[in-house]
Amino acid sequence: MAASNKYAWSWQVKEECLEDYVRMHLDPWPDIMEEHRSAGISNYSIFQNGTQFFYCFECEEVEAAFAYIAESDACNRWNAITSKMVQGSFDFHQAEPIKPLREVFFLK
């Protein structure tokens, strides 16, 4: 199977933070949206199943995109808030800030 330029992962949001987490993502800061576009991220979707959230986006150079996001003041402010709401790490300075899901099927 040929790989796509899609990337996905899943987070578990803490029950007590669920409402705030959803509210933030229903009305994201404009500078957050622009920073993700500037990083080369497109077609970014988040899906919810209870407290589990599934994230999927497209990107040609994901390592460069994550490096860009890691240095973004706007993204670091956003992540300082939302990282307290999830089980896991948003720290892009870590070797694996998120654990990407393996793509096992791609229909072109």
Protein backbone atom coordinates (compact mmCIF):
# COMPACT_ATOMS: atom_id res chain seq x y z
CA MET A 1 0.00 0.00 0.00
CA ALA A 2 1.31 3.43 -0.88
CA ALA A 3 1.41 5.84 2.05
CA SER A 4 -0.70 8.97 2.02
CA ASN A 5 0.16 12.34 3.48
CA LYS A 6 -2.48 11.90 6.19
CA TYR A 7 -1.60 11.72 9.87
CA ALA A 8 -3.82 10.73 12.76
CA TRP A 9 -3.75 10.17 16.50
CA SER A 10 -6.14 9.86 19.40
CA TRP A 11 -6.35 11.59 22.78
CA GLN A 12 -8.42 10.89 25.82
CA VAL A 13 -9.83 14.11 27.29
CA LYS A 14 -10.33 14.25 31.04
CA GLU A 15 -14.03 13.99 31.90
CA GLU A 16 -13.97 17.16 34.01
CA CYS A 17 -12.47 19.13 31.08
CA LEU A 18 -14.68 17.77 28.32
CA GLU A 19 -17.04 20.73 28.00
CA ASP A 20 -14.23 23.32 27.96
CA TYR A 21 -12.17 21.27 25.50
CA VAL A 22 -15.05 21.00 23.05
CA ARG A 23 -15.93 24.69 23.46
CA MET A 24 -12.36 25.74 22.64
CA HIS A 25 -12.34 23.63 19.48
CA LEU A 26 -15.75 24.85 18.33
CA ASP A 27 -14.37 28.41 18.37
CA PRO A 28 -10.58 28.19 17.88
CA TRP A 29 -8.40 31.28 18.02
CA PRO A 30 -7.81 32.74 14.54
CA ASP A 31 -4.03 32.82 15.09
CA ILE A 32 -4.06 29.08 15.89
CA MET A 33 -5.78 28.39 12.59
CA GLU A 34 -3.29 30.56 10.70
CA GLU A 35 -0.27 28.98 12.40
CA HIS A 36 -1.42 25.49 11.40
CA ARG A 37 -1.90 26.63 7.81
CA SER A 38 1.54 28.29 7.85
CA ALA A 39 3.02 25.03 9.13
CA GLY A 40 1.64 23.25 6.06
CA ILE A 41 -1.22 21.45 7.81
CA SER A 42 -4.50 21.16 5.91
CA ASN A 43 -7.78 19.27 5.99
CA TYR A 44 -7.52 19.00 9.76
CA SER A 45 -10.49 17.31 11.43
CA ILE A 46 -11.23 16.26 14.99
CA PHE A 47 -13.89 13.67 15.78
CA GLN A 48 -15.34 12.93 19.22
CA ASN A 49 -16.53 9.67 20.75
CA GLY A 50 -17.34 10.38 24.39
CA THR A 51 -14.05 11.48 25.95
CA GLN A 52 -11.95 10.05 23.13
CA PHE A 53 -10.96 12.39 20.31
CA PHE A 54 -9.56 11.34 16.95
CA TYR A 55 -7.43 13.84 15.02
CA CYS A 56 -6.62 13.63 11.33
CA PHE A 57 -4.82 16.08 9.04
CA GLU A 58 -2.84 16.20 5.82
CA CYS A 59 0.71 17.50 5.57
CA GLU A 60 3.56 17.06 3.10
CA GLU A 61 6.37 17.61 5.66
CA VAL A 62 5.03 16.59 9.07
CA GLU A 63 8.38 16.89 10.91
CA ALA A 64 8.79 20.46 9.62
CA ALA A 65 5.19 21.24 10.55
CA PHE A 66 5.64 19.98 14.11
CA ALA A 67 8.89 21.97 14.42
CA TYR A 68 7.06 25.10 13.26
CA ILE A 69 4.18 24.52 15.71
CA ALA A 70 6.66 23.90 18.55
CA GLU A 71 8.12 27.39 18.08
CA SER A 72 4.78 29.16 17.64
CA ASP A 73 3.86 31.47 20.53
CA ALA A 74 0.16 31.17 19.72
CA CYS A 75 0.29 27.36 19.61
CA ASN A 76 2.30 27.21 22.83
CA ARG A 77 -0.32 29.40 24.59
CA TRP A 78 -3.13 27.17 23.25
CA ASN A 79 -1.28 23.99 24.21
CA ALA A 80 -0.58 25.32 27.72
CA ILE A 81 -4.35 25.35 28.25
CA THR A 82 -5.42 22.24 26.37
CA SER A 83 -2.54 20.02 27.48
CA LYS A 84 -3.97 20.09 31.01
CA MET A 85 -7.23 18.73 29.61
CA VAL A 86 -5.88 15.56 27.99
CA GLN A 87 -4.10 12.41 29.07
CA GLY A 88 -0.79 12.70 27.23
CA SER A 89 1.67 15.34 26.10
CA PHE A 90 1.56 18.24 23.67
CA ASP A 91 5.26 18.96 24.19
CA PHE A 92 6.65 19.06 20.66
CA HIS A 93 10.18 19.19 22.09
CA GLN A 94 9.79 15.55 23.13
CA ALA A 95 10.80 12.83 20.70
CA GLU A 96 7.15 11.73 20.38
CA PRO A 97 4.74 14.43 21.53
CA ILE A 98 1.88 12.40 20.10
CA LYS A 99 1.77 8.80 19.00
CA PRO A 100 0.68 8.72 15.36
CA LEU A 101 -1.70 5.98 14.38
CA ARG A 102 -0.56 3.57 11.70
CA GLU A 103 -2.43 3.93 8.44
CA VAL A 104 -3.62 0.51 7.28
CA PHE A 105 -5.97 1.57 4.50
CA PHE A 106 -5.99 4.43 2.00
CA LEU A 107 -8.45 4.88 -0.86
CA LYS A 108 -7.09 7.36 -3.37
